[in-house]
Protein backbone atom coordinates (compact mmCIF):
# COMPACT_ATOMS: atom_id res chain seq x y z
CA VAL A 1 -15.67 79.78 110.06
CA GLN A 2 -12.26 78.60 110.10
CA LEU A 3 -10.41 76.07 112.20
CA VAL A 4 -6.70 75.16 111.97
CA GLU A 5 -5.50 72.39 114.07
CA SER A 6 -1.73 71.47 114.60
CA GLY A 7 0.37 69.64 116.79
CA GLY A 8 -0.31 66.11 116.03
CA GLY A 9 2.27 63.70 115.29
CA LEU A 10 4.00 60.40 116.08
CA VAL A 11 4.83 59.45 119.70
CA GLN A 12 5.62 56.06 121.59
CA SER A 13 2.79 54.62 124.00
CA GLY A 14 2.95 56.49 127.43
CA GLY A 15 4.04 59.54 125.56
CA SER A 16 2.06 62.65 125.23
CA LEU A 17 1.37 65.33 122.67
CA ARG A 18 -0.72 68.47 122.56
CA LEU A 19 -2.63 69.74 119.92
CA SER A 20 -4.00 73.12 119.21
CA CYS A 21 -7.06 74.63 117.03
CA ALA A 22 -6.89 78.51 115.70
CA ALA A 23 -10.14 79.93 115.21
CA SER A 24 -11.38 82.52 113.24
CA GLY A 25 -14.91 83.62 111.48
CA PHE A 26 -16.90 83.84 114.48
CA SER A 27 -17.57 85.02 117.72
CA PHE A 28 -15.54 82.41 119.72
CA SER A 29 -15.75 82.75 123.37
CA SER A 30 -19.89 82.14 122.59
CA TYR A 31 -19.44 78.80 121.23
CA VAL A 32 -18.69 75.40 122.31
CA MET A 33 -15.78 74.06 121.23
CA SER A 34 -15.12 70.14 120.79
CA TRP A 35 -12.30 68.07 119.82
CA TYR A 36 -13.51 64.83 117.58
CA ARG A 37 -11.37 61.72 116.23
CA GLN A 38 -11.68 59.11 113.69
CA ALA A 39 -9.55 55.98 113.53
CA PRO A 40 -9.22 54.19 109.95
CA GLY A 41 -12.53 52.02 109.33
CA LYS A 42 -14.33 53.59 112.26
CA GLU A 43 -16.69 56.36 112.84
CA ARG A 44 -15.67 60.05 114.17
CA GLU A 45 -16.13 60.35 118.05
CA LEU A 46 -16.39 62.69 120.41
CA VAL A 47 -13.17 63.22 122.43
CA ALA A 48 -13.90 66.71 124.27
CA SER A 49 -15.90 69.62 124.64
CA MET A 50 -15.82 72.75 126.35
CA SER A 51 -18.50 75.41 127.20
CA PRO A 52 -17.90 79.21 126.04
CA ALA A 53 -16.59 80.33 129.25
CA GLY A 54 -14.72 77.20 130.03
CA ASP A 55 -16.21 76.20 133.02
CA ILE A 56 -17.83 72.95 132.00
CA THR A 57 -16.14 70.23 129.88
CA ASN A 58 -17.43 66.92 128.98
CA TYR A 59 -15.10 63.71 128.05
CA ALA A 60 -15.42 60.31 126.21
CA ASN A 61 -14.86 57.96 128.81
CA SER A 62 -11.72 56.50 127.11
CA VAL A 63 -9.61 59.59 127.38
CA LYS A 64 -11.11 60.75 131.15
CA GLY A 65 -7.86 61.27 133.40
CA ARG A 66 -5.55 61.49 130.59
CA PHE A 67 -6.66 64.29 127.95
CA THR A 68 -7.44 67.96 128.88
CA ILE A 69 -9.22 70.23 127.02
CA SER A 70 -8.82 73.79 127.71
CA ARG A 71 -9.57 77.28 125.68
CA ASP A 72 -8.15 81.01 125.46
CA ASN A 73 -10.94 83.10 124.60
CA ALA A 74 -8.46 85.97 124.17
CA LYS A 75 -6.57 84.25 121.78
CA ASN A 76 -9.39 81.97 119.88
CA THR A 77 -7.40 78.99 120.54
CA VAL A 78 -8.59 75.60 121.61
CA ASP A 79 -6.18 72.74 123.05
CA LEU A 80 -6.09 69.12 123.90
CA GLN A 81 -3.36 68.09 125.92
CA MET A 82 -3.18 64.36 125.52
CA ASN A 83 -1.09 61.87 127.98
CA SER A 84 -0.38 58.62 128.31
CA LEU A 85 -1.40 58.03 124.79
CA LYS A 86 -2.21 54.60 124.21
CA PRO A 87 -2.13 52.83 120.34
CA GLU A 88 -5.99 53.19 120.46
CA ASP A 89 -5.64 57.14 120.25
CA THR A 90 -4.05 57.12 116.90
CA ALA A 91 -6.46 58.56 114.66
CA VAL A 92 -7.07 62.27 112.79
CA TYR A 93 -8.08 64.48 115.26
CA TYR A 94 -10.38 67.43 114.56
CA CYS A 95 -11.43 70.63 115.90
CA SER A 96 -14.99 71.59 115.30
CA THR A 97 -17.69 73.88 116.74
CA TRP A 98 -21.45 74.36 115.91
CA VAL A 99 -22.50 77.95 114.29
CA PHE A 100 -25.72 76.98 112.86
CA ASN A 101 -24.00 74.48 110.85
CA ARG A 102 -21.07 71.94 111.99
CA TYR A 103 -17.80 73.18 111.23
CA TRP A 104 -14.59 71.30 110.86
CA GLY A 105 -10.92 71.80 110.87
CA GLN A 106 -8.71 69.94 108.26
CA GLY A 107 -7.53 67.42 110.99
CA THR A 108 -4.27 66.51 112.48
CA GLN A 109 -2.87 63.11 112.80
CA VAL A 110 -1.78 61.72 115.75
CA THR A 111 -0.06 58.05 115.64
CA VAL A 112 0.81 56.24 118.88
CA SER A 113 3.34 53.37 118.39
CA SER A 114 3.68 50.47 120.80
């Protein structure tokens, strides 16, 4: 299982970023895909997840209405569109899936300046 994130960066408060995760090494369309984040000094937390068919989503309360998870099962990718970003969204964002074990990407830094 390999997960590779891209799309992080520095953005001003109120701005937008789109993260992408390219997956390989497993049957992508059969598994839940998730985005987590970890801010300095804090525990890693679930941001959003999507069912294999893309018909069920789950979001952390802190990002509901601002973030949107999507997936393309033909391309083996899962994206996270982040709008109305806040300084408290600053964190390393990780793509993740559970295929008998929890797998993580290398993470991508998102920094939101006030």
